[in-house]
């Protein structure tokens, strides 16, 4: 085998190995939390768009007690919660 062929084969193997070494996160939210929670108990909300690793929008809510729960973006209480947060941000920005 020539050195050129060996070099190409080595590069090909390195590319394949690097693809397999990349972590696959998948969907972060498996079971959504069904009950509404008050805005005062929420520390942070993260919205993850559709991606190659998960085919749906995901919403993760970190509560002030440190517990992380997932919410379905199609549920009415989640949409109302997001609206409340947006309104609160608007009122803060207008001050």
Protein backbone atom coordinates (compact mmCIF):
# COMPACT_ATOMS: atom_id res chain seq x y z
CA UNK A 1 0.00 0.00 0.00
CA UNK A 2 1.41 3.37 -0.97
CA UNK A 3 1.95 6.12 1.57
CA UNK A 4 -0.69 8.24 -0.16
CA UNK A 5 -3.30 5.49 0.16
CA UNK A 6 -2.33 4.93 3.77
CA UNK A 7 -2.70 8.64 4.51
CA UNK A 8 -6.17 8.75 2.89
CA UNK A 9 -7.27 5.68 4.83
CA UNK A 10 -6.00 7.17 8.10
CA UNK A 11 -7.85 10.44 7.47
CA UNK A 12 -11.03 8.57 6.62
CA UNK A 13 -10.81 6.54 9.84
CA UNK A 14 -10.20 9.71 11.87
CA UNK A 15 -13.28 11.34 10.37
CA UNK A 16 -15.44 8.31 11.11
CA UNK A 17 -14.14 8.09 14.69
CA UNK A 18 -14.80 11.77 15.33
CA UNK A 19 -18.41 11.39 14.14
CA UNK A 20 -18.99 8.51 16.54
CA UNK A 21 -17.29 10.27 19.45
CA UNK A 22 -19.71 13.24 19.32
CA UNK A 23 -22.27 12.94 22.15
CA UNK A 24 -25.87 12.45 21.16
CA UNK A 25 -28.10 14.37 23.51
CA UNK A 26 -31.45 13.34 22.11
CA UNK A 27 -34.55 14.89 23.58
CA UNK A 28 -33.93 16.39 27.00
CA UNK A 29 -37.59 16.31 27.97
CA UNK A 30 -39.19 12.90 28.11
CA UNK A 31 -42.14 13.35 30.47
CA UNK A 32 -43.70 16.82 30.72
CA UNK A 33 -44.92 18.20 34.05
CA UNK A 34 -48.72 18.41 33.91
CA UNK A 35 -49.61 20.93 36.62
CA UNK A 36 -49.45 24.69 36.36
CA UNK A 37 -46.90 26.37 38.59
CA UNK A 38 -46.86 29.97 39.79
CA UNK A 39 -44.49 32.38 38.12
CA UNK A 40 -43.01 33.21 41.53
CA UNK A 41 -41.66 29.64 41.87
CA UNK A 42 -39.73 29.76 38.59
CA UNK A 43 -36.03 30.59 38.41
CA UNK A 44 -35.39 29.99 34.70
CA UNK A 45 -37.14 28.82 31.54
CA UNK A 46 -35.21 27.34 28.62
CA UNK A 47 -36.71 26.75 25.19
CA UNK A 48 -34.92 24.29 22.92
CA UNK A 49 -36.00 24.43 19.26
CA UNK A 50 -36.38 21.46 16.95
CA UNK A 51 -32.94 20.05 16.15
CA UNK A 52 -31.24 17.08 14.58
CA UNK A 53 -31.17 15.37 17.96
CA UNK A 54 -34.83 16.01 18.89
CA UNK A 55 -37.77 16.48 16.51
CA UNK A 56 -39.88 18.65 18.86
CA UNK A 57 -39.74 21.95 20.75
CA UNK A 58 -38.77 21.41 24.37
CA UNK A 59 -39.35 23.67 27.35
CA UNK A 60 -37.35 23.10 30.55
CA UNK A 61 -38.33 25.00 33.68
CA UNK A 62 -35.90 25.35 36.57
CA UNK A 63 -37.74 26.05 39.79
CA UNK A 64 -36.34 28.11 42.65
CA UNK A 65 -35.96 24.94 44.72
CA UNK A 66 -33.57 23.59 42.02
CA UNK A 67 -35.95 21.02 40.54
CA UNK A 68 -36.02 20.91 36.75
CA UNK A 69 -39.27 19.97 35.02
CA UNK A 70 -40.33 19.85 31.41
CA UNK A 71 -43.44 21.39 29.93
CA UNK A 72 -45.32 20.75 26.72
CA UNK A 73 -45.35 23.98 24.64
CA UNK A 74 -48.83 23.11 23.34
CA UNK A 75 -50.47 23.07 26.76
CA UNK A 76 -52.58 26.09 27.62
CA UNK A 77 -50.94 26.73 31.02
CA UNK A 78 -47.49 26.78 29.43
CA UNK A 79 -48.58 29.30 26.80
CA UNK A 80 -50.16 31.46 29.51
CA UNK A 81 -46.97 31.25 31.58
CA UNK A 82 -44.85 32.37 28.63
CA UNK A 83 -47.28 35.25 28.00
CA UNK A 84 -46.99 36.31 31.68
CA UNK A 85 -43.20 36.30 31.45
CA UNK A 86 -43.23 38.33 28.24
CA UNK A 87 -45.60 40.89 29.80
CA UNK A 88 -43.41 41.13 32.90
CA UNK A 89 -40.35 41.72 30.73
CA UNK A 90 -42.16 44.41 28.75
CA UNK A 91 -43.16 46.26 31.89
CA UNK A 92 -39.57 46.10 33.22
CA UNK A 93 -38.19 47.36 29.89
CA UNK A 94 -40.63 50.27 29.83
CA UNK A 95 -39.43 51.58 33.22
